Amino acid sequence: MRDFRWPPPPDGGPRTYGPGPSAPRTGRPALPEPETELVTTPHGVRLERLVTGAGDPVTVFAHGLGGGIAVTRPLGSAVNGRRVFFQFRGHGRSEAPDGPWTYLDLARDLRAVADLSRATRAVGVSLGAGALTRLLLESPERFDRAVFFLPAVLDEPRPAAARERLTMLLEAVRSGDPATVAEAASAELPAAVRNTPAGWAYLRQRIDQLMRDGLAEGLASLPDQVPVRDASALAAVTGRALVIGCAGDELHPVAVAEQLAAALPNATLHVYDRPGVLWTHRADLRGRVSEFLNRS
C-alpha cells in the first residue's frame, strides 16, 4: 500500500511503499517567495502586501483561512493591470491584534488594502470570499467586478468538518513539529496528487510558511462566524459577480455558492464537478477568472 511519509526522500520525489515505480523521481522545487511589504491601514493593523503588474484596472486578491498570498497568486496570472495580494490579520507577516475576530474585521482589512491600492475589482477565496461578501454588504457599490472562489459560508456557520480541519492545523502548528504540520497540511491536497512531485513541492512551501509565520489563535473563532445575517441584503450590490463552486467539497459546500449567486443581482455561477480545482482544472480556472475580470 502506498502511504504518505515525511520528511520527503532525499532525491526530491515521492517515496512509495509496496509495488510501483522504483526509479528516482524529482519534483520541481517551489519558486522562492517574492519580496513583500508591510502597509499601515487606517484601522491600525499593518498588513503584508505584494503588488505585481502595472496599470489599470487594479484587482485585489483575498486568500482563505490559514492560506496566504501564494494560494491566490495563480488566480491572477492572466489578469490585466495591477494585481494586489495581501495577508489577512493573523496570517504571514501581517499583525494579529487581540481576538476574537469577525468577518467585519476581515472586511476592514480587505477594504483598507483595496482603498490604498485604488482597486476596482476583487477576488475572494473561501474566507476571502466571506470578507468580500461582508464588504459588499457594507458598501454595495465598492467594486465593479468581484469573483467569489469556493465561498465557504454565507448566513450560516461553517460545517463541523471545517472547524475540525482548522483545529487540527492550529494544534499542529502549535506543536512546532514539521512532521505533524505536514500531516495536517497534506489534508489540503487531493488524494491523486498527495504523493507526487507537485504535491511534495506544495507541502515543502506550505510547511516552510507555517513553521516560519505560524497561525494566530484569533483565527479559531472564525468558523463560527458568518459574513451576513440576511443574504437578501446583497440585492443592493451593483457590480457584476462570478461565483465559482465545486461539487463534493465538504469544506466549501456547493449550496453556499448557489445561495450566494442567487442573492447577488448580477452574478454568474459556475460549478466544477469535483474538488481540488487548483490541481485538476487550474488552466480552466485561471482562464475563467481572467476572462471575467479583463472585460471592460
Protein backbone atom coordinates (compact mmCIF):
# COMPACT_ATOMS: atom_id res chain seq x y z
CA MET A 1 0.00 0.00 0.00
CA ARG A 2 1.24 3.48 -0.87
CA ASP A 3 1.43 5.88 2.01
CA PHE A 4 2.32 9.45 2.98
CA ARG A 5 5.70 9.91 4.64
CA TRP A 6 7.57 12.95 5.96
CA PRO A 7 10.29 14.17 5.53
CA PRO A 8 10.42 13.75 1.75
CA PRO A 9 13.02 11.39 0.28
CA PRO A 10 16.45 12.93 -0.44
CA ASP A 11 16.04 12.65 -4.22
CA GLY A 12 13.21 15.19 -4.05
CA GLY A 13 10.49 12.90 -5.35
CA PRO A 14 7.85 10.91 -3.55
CA ARG A 15 8.74 7.72 -1.71
CA THR A 16 6.18 5.00 -2.22
CA TYR A 17 5.79 1.73 -0.38
CA GLY A 18 4.78 -1.54 -1.95
CA PRO A 19 4.64 -2.32 -5.68
CA GLY A 20 5.13 0.59 -8.01
CA PRO A 21 7.77 2.60 -9.88
CA SER A 22 11.13 2.50 -8.12
CA ALA A 23 13.27 4.79 -10.28
CA PRO A 24 14.27 8.10 -8.67
CA ARG A 25 11.89 10.92 -9.46
CA THR A 26 12.42 14.58 -8.83
CA GLY A 27 9.86 17.30 -8.35
CA ARG A 28 10.35 20.89 -9.35
CA PRO A 29 11.27 22.93 -6.27
CA ALA A 30 8.78 25.56 -5.19
CA LEU A 31 9.55 29.03 -6.51
CA PRO A 32 11.09 31.42 -3.96
CA GLU A 33 8.57 33.70 -2.36
CA PRO A 34 8.66 37.27 -3.71
CA GLU A 35 9.55 40.23 -1.54
CA THR A 36 6.55 41.77 0.16
CA GLU A 37 5.93 44.94 2.17
CA LEU A 38 4.03 45.87 5.31
CA VAL A 39 1.46 48.63 4.86
CA THR A 40 -0.24 50.62 7.60
CA THR A 41 -4.03 50.67 7.37
CA PRO A 42 -6.45 53.34 8.65
CA HIS A 43 -7.77 50.91 11.27
CA GLY A 44 -4.29 50.46 12.72
CA VAL A 45 -3.42 46.92 11.63
CA ARG A 46 -0.30 46.54 9.50
CA LEU A 47 -0.83 44.05 6.67
CA GLU A 48 1.56 42.24 4.38
CA ARG A 49 1.11 43.13 0.71
CA LEU A 50 2.52 42.15 -2.67
CA VAL A 51 1.91 44.20 -5.83
CA THR A 52 2.56 42.82 -9.31
CA GLY A 53 1.76 44.06 -12.80
CA ALA A 54 1.10 47.66 -13.80
CA GLY A 55 -1.66 49.96 -14.95
CA ASP A 56 -5.41 49.72 -14.68
CA PRO A 57 -7.63 48.06 -13.70
CA VAL A 58 -6.42 47.19 -10.21
CA THR A 59 -7.58 43.90 -8.68
CA VAL A 60 -7.19 42.90 -5.03
CA PHE A 61 -6.94 39.21 -4.06
CA ALA A 62 -8.08 37.88 -0.65
CA HIS A 63 -6.98 34.40 0.47
CA GLY A 64 -8.61 31.66 2.52
CA LEU A 65 -8.39 30.67 6.18
CA GLY A 66 -4.85 29.60 7.04
CA GLY A 67 -3.74 30.37 3.47
CA GLY A 68 -1.91 33.35 2.03
CA ILE A 69 -0.53 35.17 -0.96
CA ALA A 70 0.96 32.02 -2.52
CA VAL A 71 -2.50 30.46 -2.84
CA THR A 72 -4.12 33.42 -4.60
CA ARG A 73 -1.30 34.35 -6.98
CA PRO A 74 -2.15 31.65 -9.57
CA LEU A 75 -5.64 33.13 -9.91
CA GLY A 76 -4.17 36.43 -11.08
CA SER A 77 -1.57 35.16 -13.52
CA ALA A 78 -3.58 36.20 -16.61
CA VAL A 79 -5.44 39.16 -15.11
CA ASN A 80 -4.70 42.52 -16.77
CA GLY A 81 -3.48 45.57 -14.87
CA ARG A 82 -2.09 45.78 -11.37
CA ARG A 83 -2.64 42.82 -9.05
CA VAL A 84 -2.59 43.35 -5.29
CA PHE A 85 -2.21 40.34 -3.00
CA PHE A 86 -2.25 40.59 0.79
CA GLN A 87 -2.36 38.58 4.01
CA PHE A 88 -5.29 38.96 6.37
CA ARG A 89 -4.59 39.70 10.04
CA GLY A 90 -3.01 36.72 11.75
CA HIS A 91 -1.52 35.37 8.53
CA GLY A 92 2.05 35.68 7.28
CA ARG A 93 3.77 38.85 8.43
CA SER A 94 0.52 40.72 8.99
CA GLU A 95 -0.18 41.83 12.52
CA ALA A 96 -2.50 39.86 14.78
CA PRO A 97 -4.48 42.17 17.07
CA ASP A 98 -6.27 40.66 20.04
CA GLY A 99 -9.23 38.49 19.05
CA PRO A 100 -11.76 37.11 18.66
CA TRP A 101 -12.20 38.34 15.10
CA THR A 102 -15.28 38.64 12.91
CA TYR A 103 -15.96 39.00 9.20
CA LEU A 104 -16.36 42.71 9.80
CA ASP A 105 -12.70 42.82 10.90
CA LEU A 106 -11.67 40.90 7.78
CA ALA A 107 -13.76 43.20 5.59
CA ARG A 108 -11.88 46.16 7.09
CA ASP A 109 -8.58 44.53 6.15
CA LEU A 110 -9.79 43.94 2.60
CA ARG A 111 -11.26 47.43 2.27
CA ALA A 112 -8.07 49.06 3.52
CA VAL A 113 -5.85 47.26 1.03
CA ALA A 114 -8.34 47.91 -1.79
CA ASP A 115 -8.60 51.61 -0.94
CA LEU A 116 -4.84 52.08 -0.61
CA SER A 117 -4.38 50.40 -4.00
CA ARG A 118 -7.40 52.07 -5.68
CA ALA A 119 -8.69 48.62 -6.63
CA THR A 120 -11.94 48.45 -8.58
CA ARG A 121 -12.09 44.65 -8.77
CA ALA A 122 -11.70 41.90 -6.19
CA VAL A 123 -11.18 38.16 -5.89
CA GLY A 124 -12.04 36.34 -2.67
CA VAL A 125 -11.11 32.72 -1.92
CA SER A 126 -13.03 30.83 0.78
CA LEU A 127 -12.53 33.04 3.86
CA GLY A 128 -11.64 35.87 1.49
CA ALA A 129 -14.95 35.35 -0.31
CA GLY A 130 -16.70 35.79 3.04
CA ALA A 131 -14.79 39.00 3.74
CA LEU A 132 -15.66 40.25 0.26
CA THR A 133 -19.32 39.43 0.85
CA ARG A 134 -19.31 41.41 4.11
CA LEU A 135 -17.55 44.37 2.47
CA LEU A 136 -20.19 44.49 -0.28
CA LEU A 137 -22.93 44.28 2.31
CA GLU A 138 -21.50 47.46 3.87
CA SER A 139 -20.61 49.14 0.53
CA PRO A 140 -22.66 47.62 -2.33
CA GLU A 141 -21.03 49.84 -4.99
CA ARG A 142 -17.39 49.31 -3.92
CA PHE A 143 -16.30 47.00 -6.79
CA ASP A 144 -17.17 46.91 -10.49
CA ARG A 145 -16.45 43.20 -10.66
CA ALA A 146 -15.99 40.55 -7.97
CA VAL A 147 -15.02 36.88 -8.07
CA PHE A 148 -16.03 34.53 -5.26
CA PHE A 149 -14.00 31.31 -5.47
CA LEU A 150 -15.13 28.47 -3.19
CA PRO A 151 -17.28 30.53 -0.82
CA ALA A 152 -17.46 28.56 2.43
CA VAL A 153 -20.13 30.42 4.39
CA LEU A 154 -22.93 32.92 3.84
CA ASP A 155 -25.55 33.28 6.57
CA GLU A 156 -24.98 30.03 8.49
CA PRO A 157 -21.75 28.92 10.29
CA ARG A 158 -19.31 26.63 8.55
CA PRO A 159 -19.86 22.86 8.75
CA ALA A 160 -18.19 20.86 11.51
CA ALA A 161 -15.59 19.50 9.07
CA ALA A 162 -14.19 23.00 8.57
CA ARG A 163 -13.89 23.62 12.31
CA GLU A 164 -12.17 20.26 12.78
CA ARG A 165 -9.71 20.96 9.95
CA LEU A 166 -8.73 24.34 11.40
CA THR A 167 -8.38 22.92 14.92
CA MET A 168 -6.08 20.19 13.61
CA LEU A 169 -3.95 22.73 11.74
CA LEU A 170 -3.71 25.11 14.72
CA GLU A 171 -2.69 22.28 17.04
CA ALA A 172 -0.10 21.04 14.54
CA VAL A 173 1.48 24.49 14.19
CA ARG A 174 1.40 24.92 17.96
CA SER A 175 3.35 21.66 18.35
CA GLY A 176 6.31 23.02 16.37
CA ASP A 177 6.88 19.60 14.79
CA PRO A 178 7.32 19.72 10.99
CA ALA A 179 6.06 16.15 10.56
CA THR A 180 2.85 16.94 12.44
CA VAL A 181 2.37 20.11 10.38
CA ALA A 182 3.00 18.10 7.20
CA GLU A 183 0.35 15.56 8.18
CA ALA A 184 -2.21 18.31 8.80
CA ALA A 185 -1.30 20.26 5.66
CA SER A 186 -1.44 17.16 3.47
CA ALA A 187 -5.22 17.12 4.00
CA GLU A 188 -5.35 20.19 1.74
CA LEU A 189 -4.16 18.10 -1.21
CA PRO A 190 -6.42 15.94 -3.37
CA ALA A 191 -5.61 12.25 -2.89
CA ALA A 192 -4.44 11.96 -6.51
CA VAL A 193 -1.55 14.42 -6.00
CA ARG A 194 -0.71 13.81 -2.35
CA ASN A 195 2.31 11.65 -3.10
CA THR A 196 3.53 13.23 -6.34
CA PRO A 197 6.38 15.65 -7.07
CA ALA A 198 3.91 18.53 -7.35
CA GLY A 199 2.34 17.55 -4.05
CA TRP A 200 5.70 17.39 -2.28
CA ALA A 201 6.69 20.79 -3.69
CA TYR A 202 3.45 22.31 -2.39
CA LEU A 203 3.93 20.73 1.04
CA ARG A 204 7.50 21.97 1.36
CA GLN A 205 6.41 25.54 0.65
CA ARG A 206 3.35 25.26 2.90
CA ILE A 207 5.30 23.81 5.83
CA ASP A 208 8.05 26.42 5.50
CA GLN A 209 5.41 29.15 5.62
CA LEU A 210 3.52 27.71 8.59
CA MET A 211 6.66 26.97 10.60
CA ARG A 212 8.01 30.47 9.92
CA ASP A 213 4.85 32.55 10.36
CA GLY A 214 2.58 30.35 12.47
CA LEU A 215 -1.18 30.87 12.78
CA ALA A 216 -2.79 33.34 15.18
CA GLU A 217 -5.12 31.99 17.86
CA GLY A 218 -7.66 34.63 16.87
CA LEU A 219 -8.47 32.53 13.81
CA ALA A 220 -10.07 29.83 15.96
CA SER A 221 -13.34 31.73 16.35
CA LEU A 222 -13.88 32.43 12.63
CA PRO A 223 -15.52 29.10 11.65
CA ASP A 224 -18.42 30.02 13.97
CA GLN A 225 -18.88 33.44 12.34
CA VAL A 226 -21.00 34.40 9.31
CA PRO A 227 -20.47 37.29 6.85
CA VAL A 228 -24.15 38.27 6.68
CA ARG A 229 -27.26 37.64 8.75
CA ASP A 230 -29.68 38.06 5.88
CA ALA A 231 -28.49 37.20 2.37
CA SER A 232 -31.32 39.18 0.81
CA ALA A 233 -29.47 42.38 1.77
CA LEU A 234 -26.96 41.60 -1.01
CA ALA A 235 -29.60 42.59 -3.57
CA ALA A 236 -28.20 46.12 -3.34
CA VAL A 237 -24.82 45.11 -4.82
CA THR A 238 -24.33 46.89 -8.14
CA GLY A 239 -21.24 45.26 -9.66
CA ARG A 240 -21.05 42.08 -11.69
CA ALA A 241 -20.02 38.89 -9.91
CA LEU A 242 -18.65 35.47 -10.79
CA VAL A 243 -19.28 32.75 -8.20
CA ILE A 244 -17.28 29.51 -8.52
CA GLY A 245 -18.07 26.40 -6.51
CA CYS A 246 -17.23 22.69 -6.52
CA ALA A 247 -19.44 19.66 -6.12
CA GLY A 248 -18.30 17.29 -3.39
CA ASP A 249 -16.21 19.81 -1.43
CA GLU A 250 -17.19 19.38 2.23
CA LEU A 251 -15.29 22.50 3.34
CA HIS A 252 -16.94 24.65 0.66
CA PRO A 253 -20.47 23.29 0.16
CA VAL A 254 -21.79 23.90 -3.33
CA ALA A 255 -25.06 25.05 -1.77
CA VAL A 256 -23.26 28.12 -0.40
CA ALA A 257 -22.07 29.09 -3.90
CA GLU A 258 -25.58 28.59 -5.25
CA GLN A 259 -27.15 30.70 -2.50
CA LEU A 260 -24.60 33.47 -2.93
CA ALA A 261 -25.09 33.59 -6.71
CA ALA A 262 -28.85 33.73 -6.20
CA ALA A 263 -28.53 36.59 -3.68
CA LEU A 264 -26.33 38.77 -5.89
CA PRO A 265 -28.36 40.53 -8.61
CA ASN A 266 -25.69 40.42 -11.36
CA ALA A 267 -24.00 37.09 -10.72
CA THR A 268 -22.91 34.18 -12.90
CA LEU A 269 -22.47 30.77 -11.25
CA HIS A 270 -20.03 28.07 -12.37
CA VAL A 271 -19.75 24.74 -10.55
CA TYR A 272 -16.90 22.28 -11.15
CA ASP A 273 -17.77 18.62 -10.90
CA ARG A 274 -15.14 17.69 -8.31
CA PRO A 275 -12.96 19.33 -5.66
CA GLY A 276 -9.27 20.19 -5.99
CA VAL A 277 -9.83 22.66 -8.83
CA LEU A 278 -6.44 24.33 -8.42
CA TRP A 279 -4.90 20.94 -9.19
CA THR A 280 -7.33 19.38 -11.64
CA HIS A 281 -8.64 22.37 -13.61
CA ARG A 282 -6.06 25.08 -12.98
CA ALA A 283 -5.81 26.34 -16.56
CA ASP A 284 -9.59 26.46 -16.97
CA LEU A 285 -9.97 28.26 -13.63
CA ARG A 286 -7.34 30.88 -14.46
CA GLY A 287 -8.90 31.44 -17.87
CA ARG A 288 -12.38 31.75 -16.41
CA VAL A 289 -11.27 34.29 -13.77
CA SER A 290 -9.16 36.36 -16.16
CA GLU A 291 -11.79 36.40 -18.89
CA PHE A 292 -14.35 37.76 -16.42
CA LEU A 293 -12.03 40.37 -14.89
CA ASN A 294 -10.43 41.52 -18.14
CA ARG A 295 -13.71 42.63 -19.66
CA SER A 296 -14.12 46.40 -19.86
